[in-house]
C-alpha atoms as a PDB file:
ATOM      1  CA  MET A   1      81.629  67.312  72.209  1.00  0.00           C
ATOM      2  CA  SER A   2      85.167  66.597  73.444  1.00  0.00           C
ATOM      3  CA  LYS A   3      84.288  67.570  77.013  1.00  0.00           C
ATOM      4  CA  ARG A   4      81.464  65.037  77.046  1.00  0.00           C
ATOM      5  CA  LEU A   5      83.742  62.306  75.697  1.00  0.00           C
ATOM      6  CA  SER A   6      86.598  62.949  78.096  1.00  0.00           C
ATOM      7  CA  ASN A   7      84.406  63.047  81.218  1.00  0.00           C
ATOM      8  CA  ASN A   8      83.533  59.356  80.883  1.00  0.00           C
ATOM      9  CA  ARG A   9      87.114  58.126  80.614  1.00  0.00           C
ATOM     10  CA  LYS A  10      88.407  57.429  84.115  1.00  0.00           C
ATOM     11  CA  HIS A  11      91.069  54.771  83.584  1.00  0.00           C
ATOM     12  CA  GLN A  12      94.451  55.139  81.951  1.00  0.00           C
ATOM     13  CA  ILE A  13      95.432  52.232  79.698  1.00  0.00           C
ATOM     14  CA  THR A  14      98.476  51.552  77.553  1.00  0.00           C
ATOM     15  CA  PHE A  15      98.351  49.868  74.163  1.00  0.00           C
ATOM     16  CA  ILE A  16     101.322  47.549  73.675  1.00  0.00           C
ATOM     17  CA  LYS A  17     102.717  46.617  70.283  1.00  0.00           C
ATOM     18  CA  THR A  18     105.152  43.770  69.582  1.00  0.00           C
ATOM     19  CA  GLU A  19     108.220  44.855  67.611  1.00  0.00           C
ATOM     20  CA  THR A  20     110.041  42.172  65.652  1.00  0.00           C
ATOM     21  CA  THR A  21     113.699  42.289  64.606  1.00  0.00           C
ATOM     22  CA  THR A  22     114.722  40.092  61.671  1.00  0.00           C
ATOM     23  CA  ASP A  23     118.050  39.168  60.106  1.00  0.00           C
ATOM     24  CA  ASP A  24     119.036  39.430  56.431  1.00  0.00           C
ATOM     25  CA  LEU A  25     117.209  36.181  55.663  1.00  0.00           C
ATOM     26  CA  GLY A  26     113.980  37.399  57.230  1.00  0.00           C
ATOM     27  CA  GLN A  27     114.229  35.129  60.263  1.00  0.00           C
ATOM     28  CA  VAL A  28     113.007  36.527  63.550  1.00  0.00           C
ATOM     29  CA  ILE A  29     115.897  37.396  65.855  1.00  0.00           C
ATOM     30  CA  ASP A  30     114.070  39.203  68.621  1.00  0.00           C
ATOM     31  CA  GLU A  31     110.548  40.157  69.642  1.00  0.00           C
ATOM     32  CA  LYS A  32     109.797  42.682  72.341  1.00  0.00           C
ATOM     33  CA  ASP A  33     106.706  44.448  73.576  1.00  0.00           C
ATOM     34  CA  VAL A  34     106.846  48.243  73.571  1.00  0.00           C
ATOM     35  CA  ASP A  35     104.390  50.834  74.826  1.00  0.00           C
ATOM     36  CA  TYR A  36     102.610  52.233  71.775  1.00  0.00           C
ATOM     37  CA  ALA A  37      99.965  54.660  73.065  1.00  0.00           C
ATOM     38  CA  ILE A  38      98.483  55.811  76.355  1.00  0.00           C
ATOM     39  CA  CYS A  39      94.735  56.515  76.390  1.00  0.00           C
ATOM     40  CA  TRP A  40      91.956  57.281  78.813  1.00  0.00           C
ATOM     41  CA  ALA A  41      89.248  54.619  78.788  1.00  0.00           C
ATOM     42  CA  ASP A  42      85.923  53.633  80.242  1.00  0.00           C
ATOM     43  CA  ILE A  43      86.105  49.951  81.187  1.00  0.00           C
ATOM     44  CA  LYS A  44      83.100  47.631  81.327  1.00  0.00           C
ATOM     45  CA  THR A  45      82.963  43.941  82.082  1.00  0.00           C
ATOM     46  CA  MET A  46      81.055  41.495  79.950  1.00  0.00           C
ATOM     47  CA  LEU A  47      79.413  38.482  81.519  1.00  0.00           C
ATOM     48  CA  GLY A  48      81.933  35.672  81.572  1.00  0.00           C
ATOM     49  CA  LYS A  49      81.186  32.370  79.919  1.00  0.00           C
ATOM     50  CA  GLU A  50      81.936  29.265  81.894  1.00  0.00           C
ATOM     51  CA  TYR A  51      83.212  26.365  79.879  1.00  0.00           C
ATOM     52  CA  PHE A  52      84.696  22.973  80.632  1.00  0.00           C
ATOM     53  CA  ALA A  53      88.043  21.931  79.166  1.00  0.00           C
ATOM     54  CA  ALA A  54      89.826  18.781  80.250  1.00  0.00           C
ATOM     55  CA  ALA A  55      87.315  18.315  83.069  1.00  0.00           C
ATOM     56  CA  ALA A  56      88.253  21.680  84.579  1.00  0.00           C
ATOM     57  CA  SER A  57      86.182  24.825  84.635  1.00  0.00           C
ATOM     58  CA  GLN A  58      87.777  28.058  83.429  1.00  0.00           C
ATOM     59  CA  ALA A  59      86.196  31.490  83.397  1.00  0.00           C
ATOM     60  CA  GLU A  60      86.716  33.911  80.541  1.00  0.00           C
ATOM     61  CA  ARG A  61      87.107  37.506  81.647  1.00  0.00           C
ATOM     62  CA  THR A  62      86.082  39.708  78.760  1.00  0.00           C
ATOM     63  CA  TYR A  63      86.155  43.493  78.994  1.00  0.00           C
ATOM     64  CA  LEU A  64      85.080  46.424  76.845  1.00  0.00           C
ATOM     65  CA  PHE A  65      87.518  49.336  76.677  1.00  0.00           C
ATOM     66  CA  ILE A  66      85.862  52.471  75.302  1.00  0.00           C
ATOM     67  CA  ILE A  67      88.334  55.132  74.187  1.00  0.00           C
ATOM     68  CA  ARG A  68      88.365  58.207  71.994  1.00  0.00           C
ATOM     69  CA  TYR A  69      88.445  57.218  68.351  1.00  0.00           C
ATOM     70  CA  ARG A  70      91.858  56.505  66.892  1.00  0.00           C
ATOM     71  CA  PRO A  71      92.390  54.582  63.645  1.00  0.00           C
ATOM     72  CA  ASP A  72      95.675  52.903  64.621  1.00  0.00           C
ATOM     73  CA  VAL A  73      94.438  50.310  67.148  1.00  0.00           C
ATOM     74  CA  GLU A  74      95.021  46.774  65.846  1.00  0.00           C
ATOM     75  CA  THR A  75      93.992  43.297  66.982  1.00  0.00           C
ATOM     76  CA  THR A  76      97.665  42.328  67.289  1.00  0.00           C
ATOM     77  CA  MET A  77      98.109  44.793  70.150  1.00  0.00           C
ATOM     78  CA  LYS A  78      97.688  44.168  73.855  1.00  0.00           C
ATOM     79  CA  ILE A  79      96.358  46.423  76.607  1.00  0.00           C
ATOM     80  CA  ASN A  80      98.069  47.070  79.929  1.00  0.00           C
ATOM     81  CA  PHE A  81      95.767  48.263  82.691  1.00  0.00           C
ATOM     82  CA  LYS A  82      97.352  48.552  86.143  1.00  0.00           C
ATOM     83  CA  GLY A  83      99.819  45.772  85.334  1.00  0.00           C
ATOM     84  CA  ARG A  84      97.124  43.436  84.039  1.00  0.00           C
ATOM     85  CA  ILE A  85      97.529  42.342  80.406  1.00  0.00           C
ATOM     86  CA  PHE A  86      94.577  41.984  78.034  1.00  0.00           C
ATOM     87  CA  ASP A  87      94.604  40.449  74.539  1.00  0.00           C
ATOM     88  CA  ILE A  88      92.441  42.206  71.952  1.00  0.00           C
ATOM     89  CA  THR A  89      90.086  39.530  70.638  1.00  0.00           C
ATOM     90  CA  HIS A  90      87.997  41.353  68.021  1.00  0.00           C
ATOM     91  CA  PRO A  91      88.596  44.156  65.532  1.00  0.00           C
ATOM     92  CA  PRO A  92      87.992  47.524  67.241  1.00  0.00           C
ATOM     93  CA  ILE A  93      84.492  48.929  66.691  1.00  0.00           C
ATOM     94  CA  ASN A  94      84.009  52.516  65.496  1.00  0.00           C
ATOM     95  CA  ASP A  95      80.865  53.246  67.519  1.00  0.00           C
ATOM     96  CA  GLY A  96      78.100  54.507  65.255  1.00  0.00           C
ATOM     97  CA  GLU A  97      80.688  55.091  62.490  1.00  0.00           C
ATOM     98  CA  ARG A  98      81.029  58.645  63.869  1.00  0.00           C
ATOM     99  CA  ASN A  99      84.796  58.609  64.557  1.00  0.00           C
ATOM    100  CA  GLU A 100      84.125  59.693  68.155  1.00  0.00           C
ATOM    101  CA  THR A 101      84.619  56.568  70.242  1.00  0.00           C
ATOM    102  CA  LEU A 102      86.178  53.175  69.705  1.00  0.00           C
ATOM    103  CA  THR A 103      85.160  50.018  71.551  1.00  0.00           C
ATOM    104  CA  VAL A 104      87.909  47.451  72.020  1.00  0.00           C
ATOM    105  CA  ILE A 105      86.954  43.955  73.201  1.00  0.00           C
ATOM    106  CA  ALA A 106      89.712  42.168  75.090  1.00  0.00           C
ATOM    107  CA  GLN A 107      90.252  39.171  77.351  1.00  0.00           C
ATOM    108  CA  GLU A 108      92.392  39.262  80.454  1.00  0.00           C
ATOM    109  CA  ARG A 109      95.280  36.829  80.622  1.00  0.00           C
ATOM    110  CA  LEU A 110      94.690  34.582  83.608  1.00  0.00           C
END
């Protein structure tokens, strides 16, 4: 089983988590992004939707990142792939509820 899962994962990605430092009153002093986890992923593109905003056309670049199942991936995280940053846009999907693979839907920052 694990050999089959690992053979499909060709790209190394890094999940990034934002750490917040607060003072005694609970006010945010500092926020910084830190590398949280490195995973192997299969990356697929979804068809982009063209939309018009303020009379200008912008393309959405949405990608599927398929990784080995891990329960700690959150929508507040970001993904770094070869220096490109992606925002997770939907809750991660436990494919088939089998705890084998996780599909993460994310949009590239343009």
